[in-house]
Each structure stands twice: as structure tokens, then as C-alpha cells.
Amino acid sequence: MSPWSVEFSLEAIEELQQAIDYYALRWARLEFEFMMEFEKQIELIKLNPFTRAVRYLTVRFALINRFPYAIHYVINESRHSIIVQTVLSTFKNPETNWKER
């Protein structure tokens, strides 16, 4: 079976860009390392999105190696797609963030 397709919400794109910008200011090339780890997780999710734990109703999450961020996503089986809803820092309270959405 082919990998699943991935879509990103506008919020996830904004949060991902904020994380990249944050790491770009911290250390030379750290933003590239963050993006590499993020992309690795996306590729793993695409191979089998059901392997990650369910966190909220149907929302699953995957931790990004070496960085305190988690990818939160839902699976649309009929479209064979994964929708990334948010890319959250694990230092932030996810309960507050989800209640706002």
C-alpha cells in the first residue's frame, strides 16, 4: 500500500514556522535539524498513521525526536490522508490550546 497523503491546517503551518524561526535564532543550522526531525516523523506517520497514540478523541500525536514538539493529527481513512492539525511545543499546555480551537 502506498503512503498516506498529508495535509496541514493553517494553524499547523504557522506553528511550524514559529518553531523554525525560534530555532534559527538559537543556534546556527538548528532550524535545519529541527526540520529534518520533523520530516522524519511525517514520513513515519505516512507509512502507518495508526501506530501513534490517540490523545483527544480521534487526534493522534507523534513526538519529534530531540525537540520538545509534538505533531497532532487526525486520519481521514476515506481519503487515505492525514491532516496535521497542530505542531505544539510540549512546554505549552495542550488542554488550553485544544479548547481554543
Protein backbone atom coordinates (compact mmCIF):
# COMPACT_ATOMS: atom_id res chain seq x y z
CA MET A 1 0.00 0.00 0.00
CA SER A 2 1.26 3.47 -0.82
CA PRO A 3 1.99 6.00 1.90
CA TRP A 4 -0.78 8.25 3.05
CA SER A 5 -1.01 11.82 1.81
CA VAL A 6 -0.51 14.65 4.30
CA GLU A 7 -2.35 17.95 4.61
CA PHE A 8 -1.59 20.77 7.04
CA SER A 9 -4.03 23.13 8.71
CA LEU A 10 -3.19 26.82 8.58
CA GLU A 11 -2.52 26.73 12.33
CA ALA A 12 -0.05 23.86 11.91
CA ILE A 13 1.80 25.73 9.17
CA GLU A 14 2.01 28.86 11.35
CA GLU A 15 3.17 26.89 14.40
CA LEU A 16 5.77 25.03 12.37
CA GLN A 17 7.11 28.31 11.00
CA GLN A 18 7.26 29.78 14.52
CA ALA A 19 9.28 26.78 15.70
CA ILE A 20 11.65 27.08 12.74
CA ASP A 21 12.11 30.79 13.41
CA TYR A 22 12.73 30.13 17.11
CA TYR A 23 15.48 27.59 16.39
CA ALA A 24 17.02 29.78 13.68
CA LEU A 25 17.67 32.42 16.34
CA ARG A 26 19.11 29.98 18.87
CA TRP A 27 21.95 28.27 17.04
CA ALA A 28 23.36 28.10 13.53
CA ARG A 29 21.65 25.38 11.50
CA LEU A 30 19.44 24.25 14.39
CA GLU A 31 16.34 25.06 12.35
CA PHE A 32 17.53 22.61 9.68
CA GLU A 33 18.00 19.89 12.27
CA PHE A 34 14.52 20.58 13.60
CA MET A 35 13.06 20.34 10.08
CA MET A 36 14.90 17.08 9.41
CA GLU A 37 13.46 15.53 12.57
CA PHE A 38 10.00 16.91 11.76
CA GLU A 39 10.15 15.46 8.24
CA LYS A 40 11.32 12.08 9.60
CA GLN A 41 8.25 11.92 11.82
CA ILE A 42 5.94 12.90 8.97
CA GLU A 43 7.42 10.11 6.81
CA LEU A 44 6.93 7.58 9.63
CA ILE A 45 3.35 8.73 10.13
CA LYS A 46 2.70 8.40 6.39
CA LEU A 47 3.86 4.78 6.45
CA ASN A 48 1.40 3.82 9.19
CA PRO A 49 -0.58 6.59 10.86
CA PHE A 50 -2.33 4.18 13.24
CA THR A 51 0.83 3.42 15.23
CA ARG A 52 0.68 6.65 17.24
CA ALA A 53 -1.33 7.03 20.41
CA VAL A 54 -4.74 8.69 20.44
CA ARG A 55 -4.63 11.77 22.63
CA TYR A 56 -8.01 13.50 22.20
CA LEU A 57 -10.98 11.59 20.76
CA THR A 58 -9.58 10.94 17.26
CA VAL A 59 -6.47 13.15 17.45
CA ARG A 60 -3.19 11.25 17.48
CA PHE A 61 0.24 12.65 18.23
CA ALA A 62 3.87 11.96 17.41
CA LEU A 63 6.79 13.40 19.32
CA ILE A 64 9.60 14.98 17.33
CA ASN A 65 12.95 13.45 18.28
CA ARG A 66 15.43 15.76 20.06
CA PHE A 67 12.97 18.67 20.16
CA PRO A 68 10.10 19.40 22.57
CA TYR A 69 7.36 19.38 19.92
CA ALA A 70 4.52 17.05 19.04
CA ILE A 71 2.65 16.66 15.78
CA HIS A 72 -1.11 16.32 16.36
CA TYR A 73 -3.08 14.81 13.52
CA VAL A 74 -6.28 13.07 12.51
CA ILE A 75 -6.73 10.32 9.96
CA ASN A 76 -9.22 10.54 7.10
CA GLU A 77 -9.49 6.93 6.01
CA SER A 78 -11.89 7.58 3.14
CA ARG A 79 -9.42 9.98 1.51
CA HIS A 80 -6.37 7.97 2.63
CA SER A 81 -4.98 11.17 4.14
CA ILE A 82 -3.51 12.55 7.34
CA ILE A 83 -4.46 16.04 8.45
CA VAL A 84 -1.87 17.69 10.68
CA GLN A 85 -3.86 19.98 12.93
CA THR A 86 -1.12 21.44 15.08
CA VAL A 87 2.60 21.34 15.84
CA LEU A 88 2.74 22.13 19.55
CA SER A 89 5.58 22.72 21.94
CA THR A 90 5.38 20.18 24.74
CA PHE A 91 6.13 23.05 27.13
CA LYS A 92 2.72 24.58 26.38
CA ASN A 93 -0.49 23.33 27.93
CA PRO A 94 -2.22 21.32 25.18
CA GLU A 95 -5.55 21.36 27.01
CA THR A 96 -5.73 25.15 26.73
CA ASN A 97 -4.72 25.09 23.09
CA TRP A 98 -7.32 22.47 22.12
CA LYS A 99 -10.12 24.28 23.96
CA GLU A 100 -9.38 27.40 21.91
CA ARG A 101 -9.89 25.54 18.60
